[in-house]
Amino acid sequence: MNLEDIASGPLVLINFKTYLEATGKLAVELSRKIAEVGRKSGIKVGVAPQFCDISHVAAQEDVLVFSQHVDAIEPGAFTGHILAESLKAAGASGVLLNHSERMIRLNEVQRAVNRSRELGLLTVICAGNADLAAAASLMKPDMVAIEPPELIGSGRAVSKEKPEVIENSVRKIRAVNNSVRILCGAGISTGEDVYAALKLGAQGILVASGVIKAPNPAQVVADFCEAARRFDESS
């Protein structure tokens, strides 16, 4: 999997975090439903399950799998760390880096990007504001995800509550990197939120509780994909 495989339209990426509703067999079942929604809608969807679930989730058909983290290490004596080679072997196609719930030092982010690139893993660096998003873009990841931490899990979408964060981030990112894909996250829970984010310049979304905690997660993803498809067709 490379960036060209997901560059033809919006990306809907769902972070499973450590929610019980998306753990073990439930992670596999949810991933299968999400992949089916993606196939029917024609929108690329991806999931970021817990490390222990990656191989089981990746064994499902048409599931684009991201790891929630990777450590900037070489193979060797690093007990308890997450090795990029192990993620690749488990079937992951990419990694999330520097999420507000798993932040690391900037030099480690860069090293993790480099290690992931060596193995052909896609990289998404999370950033909480426009300046950090621009700095992240200079590290040449495949994607940057803008997520104001105060809105994560709030149910209040950044695309509505703080649209200027997306607009400023897009402007500052494009001033230093024209090729990186821009995702938007934090509080997104409806198709309308997704459409608004794309209209502001995002090229996809990163979402977690808005899907995982919903009574019908597959229906929420379907709403997201429908909004993304409508935007894609109108642009």
Protein backbone atom coordinates (compact mmCIF):
# COMPACT_ATOMS: atom_id res chain seq x y z
CA MET A 1 0.00 0.00 0.00
CA ASN A 2 1.35 3.44 -0.91
CA LEU A 3 0.00 6.97 -0.96
CA GLU A 4 -1.14 6.68 -4.59
CA ASP A 5 -3.54 3.91 -3.53
CA ILE A 6 -5.52 6.31 -1.34
CA ALA A 7 -4.90 9.60 -3.13
CA SER A 8 -7.85 9.45 -5.52
CA GLY A 9 -10.42 10.72 -3.02
CA PRO A 10 -11.23 11.37 0.65
CA LEU A 11 -10.02 8.98 3.34
CA VAL A 12 -12.09 8.00 6.38
CA LEU A 13 -9.75 6.67 9.08
CA ILE A 14 -11.22 5.25 12.30
CA ASN A 15 -9.06 5.01 15.42
CA PHE A 16 -10.20 2.14 17.67
CA LYS A 17 -8.12 3.45 20.62
CA THR A 18 -8.56 1.00 23.53
CA TYR A 19 -12.35 0.91 23.53
CA LEU A 20 -13.76 -2.47 24.57
CA GLU A 21 -16.31 -2.13 21.77
CA ALA A 22 -13.40 -2.43 19.33
CA THR A 23 -11.22 -5.01 21.05
CA GLY A 24 -10.46 -8.60 20.05
CA LYS A 25 -13.25 -10.31 18.09
CA LEU A 26 -15.28 -7.11 18.19
CA ALA A 27 -12.42 -5.30 16.42
CA VAL A 28 -12.47 -7.88 13.63
CA GLU A 29 -16.26 -7.73 13.29
CA LEU A 30 -16.29 -3.93 13.25
CA SER A 31 -13.46 -3.80 10.72
CA ARG A 32 -15.34 -6.16 8.42
CA LYS A 33 -18.45 -3.97 8.54
CA ILE A 34 -16.42 -0.81 7.94
CA ALA A 35 -14.64 -2.38 4.97
CA GLU A 36 -17.99 -3.41 3.48
CA VAL A 37 -19.24 0.18 3.79
CA GLY A 38 -16.12 1.38 2.02
CA ARG A 39 -16.55 -1.07 -0.84
CA LYS A 40 -20.19 -0.09 -1.37
CA SER A 41 -19.54 3.66 -1.21
CA GLY A 42 -16.33 3.73 -3.22
CA ILE A 43 -14.66 5.77 -0.45
CA LYS A 44 -11.37 4.54 0.98
CA VAL A 45 -11.70 3.65 4.66
CA GLY A 46 -9.09 2.56 7.18
CA VAL A 47 -8.95 1.41 10.79
CA ALA A 48 -6.37 1.70 13.57
CA PRO A 49 -6.94 -1.20 15.98
CA GLN A 50 -4.93 -2.10 19.06
CA PHE A 51 -1.57 -3.77 18.43
CA CYS A 52 -2.72 -7.25 19.47
CA ASP A 53 -5.60 -7.08 16.98
CA ILE A 54 -3.68 -5.88 13.91
CA SER A 55 -2.98 -9.29 12.37
CA HIS A 56 -6.57 -10.50 12.86
CA VAL A 57 -8.05 -7.30 11.47
CA ALA A 58 -5.60 -7.19 8.54
CA ALA A 59 -6.62 -10.74 7.56
CA GLN A 60 -10.04 -9.38 6.54
CA GLU A 61 -10.67 -8.50 2.90
CA ASP A 62 -10.12 -4.89 1.79
CA VAL A 63 -9.21 -3.58 5.24
CA LEU A 64 -6.63 -0.77 5.30
CA VAL A 65 -4.94 -1.10 8.71
CA PHE A 66 -2.93 1.50 10.61
CA SER A 67 -1.05 1.00 13.85
CA GLN A 68 -1.81 3.46 16.65
CA HIS A 69 1.92 4.01 17.23
CA VAL A 70 5.39 2.83 16.27
CA ASP A 71 8.69 3.33 18.05
CA ALA A 72 11.73 4.76 16.30
CA ILE A 73 13.89 1.70 16.89
CA GLU A 74 15.92 -0.80 14.93
CA PRO A 75 15.49 -4.54 15.50
CA GLY A 76 17.28 -5.57 18.67
CA ALA A 77 17.12 -5.28 22.45
CA PHE A 78 14.14 -2.99 22.97
CA THR A 79 11.75 -4.86 25.26
CA GLY A 80 8.22 -3.47 25.26
CA HIS A 81 8.70 -1.29 22.18
CA ILE A 82 6.73 -1.44 18.92
CA LEU A 83 8.95 -2.43 16.00
CA ALA A 84 8.04 -1.26 12.50
CA GLU A 85 9.00 -4.64 11.04
CA SER A 86 6.53 -6.38 13.37
CA LEU A 87 3.72 -4.09 12.22
CA LYS A 88 4.55 -4.77 8.59
CA ALA A 89 4.60 -8.51 9.22
CA ALA A 90 1.24 -8.31 11.01
CA GLY A 91 -0.34 -6.73 7.94
CA ALA A 92 -0.38 -3.02 8.82
CA SER A 93 -0.23 -0.56 5.94
CA GLY A 94 0.52 2.53 8.00
CA VAL A 95 1.07 4.10 11.40
CA LEU A 96 -0.31 6.98 13.46
CA LEU A 97 2.28 9.13 15.20
CA ASN A 98 2.14 11.74 17.96
CA HIS A 99 -1.55 11.44 18.78
CA SER A 100 -2.39 13.70 21.73
CA GLU A 101 -2.89 10.55 23.81
CA ARG A 102 0.50 9.14 22.74
CA MET A 103 2.76 12.11 22.15
CA ILE A 104 6.49 11.68 21.56
CA ARG A 105 9.44 14.04 21.09
CA LEU A 106 9.78 15.66 17.67
CA ASN A 107 13.11 13.97 16.96
CA GLU A 108 11.44 10.61 17.66
CA VAL A 109 8.59 11.50 15.31
CA GLN A 110 11.08 12.16 12.52
CA ARG A 111 12.97 8.93 13.18
CA ALA A 112 9.71 6.98 13.26
CA VAL A 113 8.67 8.52 9.93
CA ASN A 114 12.02 7.54 8.43
CA ARG A 115 11.86 3.98 9.75
CA SER A 116 8.29 3.55 8.53
CA ARG A 117 9.19 4.87 5.09
CA GLU A 118 12.03 2.35 4.82
CA LEU A 119 9.46 -0.44 5.19
CA GLY A 120 6.78 1.09 2.97
CA LEU A 121 4.43 1.97 5.82
CA LEU A 122 2.25 5.05 5.39
CA THR A 123 2.65 7.70 8.09
CA VAL A 124 0.10 10.03 9.70
CA ILE A 125 1.43 12.65 12.10
CA CYS A 126 -1.18 14.14 14.43
CA ALA A 127 -0.95 17.83 15.34
CA GLY A 128 -3.02 19.97 17.68
CA ASN A 129 -2.71 23.32 15.94
CA ALA A 130 -1.70 24.98 12.66
CA ASP A 131 1.91 25.66 13.62
CA LEU A 132 2.51 22.09 14.74
CA ALA A 133 0.78 20.80 11.60
CA ALA A 134 3.14 22.86 9.44
CA ALA A 135 6.16 21.63 11.43
CA ALA A 136 4.93 18.05 11.03
CA SER A 137 4.64 18.54 7.28
CA LEU A 138 8.34 19.39 7.10
CA MET A 139 9.06 15.84 8.31
CA LYS A 140 7.59 14.61 5.01
CA PRO A 141 4.97 12.17 6.30
CA ASP A 142 2.30 10.89 3.94
CA MET A 143 -0.43 12.61 5.92
CA VAL A 144 -0.93 15.16 8.68
CA ALA A 145 -4.03 14.99 10.89
CA ILE A 146 -5.19 18.22 12.53
CA GLU A 147 -6.80 17.46 15.90
CA PRO A 148 -7.29 20.18 18.53
CA PRO A 149 -6.99 18.09 21.73
CA GLU A 150 -9.71 20.00 23.58
CA LEU A 151 -12.30 18.79 21.04
CA ILE A 152 -11.25 15.14 20.87
CA GLY A 153 -14.12 12.95 22.07
CA SER A 154 -16.27 16.01 22.74
CA GLY A 155 -18.89 15.44 20.05
CA ARG A 156 -18.25 19.04 18.98
CA ALA A 157 -16.69 18.90 15.53
CA VAL A 158 -13.62 21.01 14.83
CA SER A 159 -15.06 21.72 11.38
CA LYS A 160 -17.92 23.59 13.07
CA GLU A 161 -16.48 24.75 16.40
CA LYS A 162 -13.10 25.94 15.11
CA PRO A 163 -13.12 26.01 11.30
CA GLU A 164 -10.31 28.54 11.38
CA VAL A 165 -8.00 25.84 12.77
CA ILE A 166 -8.49 23.79 9.62
CA GLU A 167 -8.21 26.77 7.29
CA ASN A 168 -5.05 28.07 8.98
CA SER A 169 -3.52 24.60 9.06
CA VAL A 170 -4.19 24.03 5.37
CA ARG A 171 -2.66 27.40 4.52
CA LYS A 172 0.45 26.88 6.64
CA ILE A 173 0.94 23.28 5.53
CA ARG A 174 0.70 24.18 1.85
CA ALA A 175 3.27 26.93 2.36
CA VAL A 176 5.88 24.27 3.17
CA ASN A 177 4.58 21.01 1.65
CA ASN A 178 2.32 20.69 -1.40
CA SER A 179 2.13 16.92 -1.48
CA VAL A 180 1.20 15.84 2.05
CA ARG A 181 -2.40 14.71 2.52
CA ILE A 182 -4.37 16.66 5.13
CA LEU A 183 -6.78 14.92 7.49
CA CYS A 184 -9.05 16.52 10.07
CA GLY A 185 -10.17 15.10 13.40
CA ALA A 186 -11.68 15.89 16.82
CA GLY A 187 -15.38 15.74 17.58
CA ILE A 188 -16.56 14.64 14.14
CA SER A 189 -19.75 12.61 14.49
CA THR A 190 -22.01 13.31 11.48
CA GLY A 191 -21.81 13.34 7.71
CA GLU A 192 -22.41 17.09 7.86
CA ASP A 193 -19.24 17.43 9.98
CA VAL A 194 -17.31 15.49 7.37
CA TYR A 195 -18.61 17.59 4.47
CA ALA A 196 -17.71 20.79 6.33
CA ALA A 197 -14.16 19.54 6.98
CA LEU A 198 -13.62 18.65 3.33
CA LYS A 199 -15.04 21.99 2.21
CA LEU A 200 -12.48 23.74 4.45
CA GLY A 201 -9.62 21.98 2.67
CA ALA A 202 -9.18 18.66 4.46
CA GLN A 203 -8.75 15.55 2.30
CA GLY A 204 -10.07 13.08 4.82
CA ILE A 205 -10.95 12.60 8.47
CA LEU A 206 -9.57 10.84 11.53
CA VAL A 207 -12.31 9.83 13.96
CA ALA A 208 -12.70 7.57 16.99
CA SER A 209 -15.52 7.76 19.54
CA GLY A 210 -17.93 9.26 17.00
CA VAL A 211 -17.93 5.82 15.39
CA ILE A 212 -16.90 3.36 18.10
CA LYS A 213 -19.35 4.67 20.73
CA ALA A 214 -22.25 5.06 18.31
CA PRO A 215 -25.26 2.69 18.62
CA ASN A 216 -24.73 1.70 14.97
CA PRO A 217 -21.08 2.32 14.01
CA ALA A 218 -21.46 0.99 10.47
CA GLN A 219 -24.31 3.42 9.78
CA VAL A 220 -22.21 6.34 11.03
CA VAL A 221 -19.36 5.32 8.72
CA ALA A 222 -21.87 5.01 5.88
CA ASP A 223 -23.04 8.58 6.59
CA PHE A 224 -19.43 9.76 6.60
CA CYS A 225 -18.72 8.02 3.30
CA GLU A 226 -21.88 9.37 1.70
CA ALA A 227 -20.89 12.92 2.68
CA ALA A 228 -17.37 12.34 1.36
CA ARG A 229 -18.75 10.94 -1.89
CA ARG A 230 -21.08 13.93 -2.36
CA PHE A 231 -18.22 16.34 -1.78
CA ASP A 232 -15.93 14.42 -4.12
CA GLU A 233 -18.51 14.46 -6.89
CA SER A 234 -19.19 18.17 -6.48
CA SER A 235 -15.55 19.25 -6.45
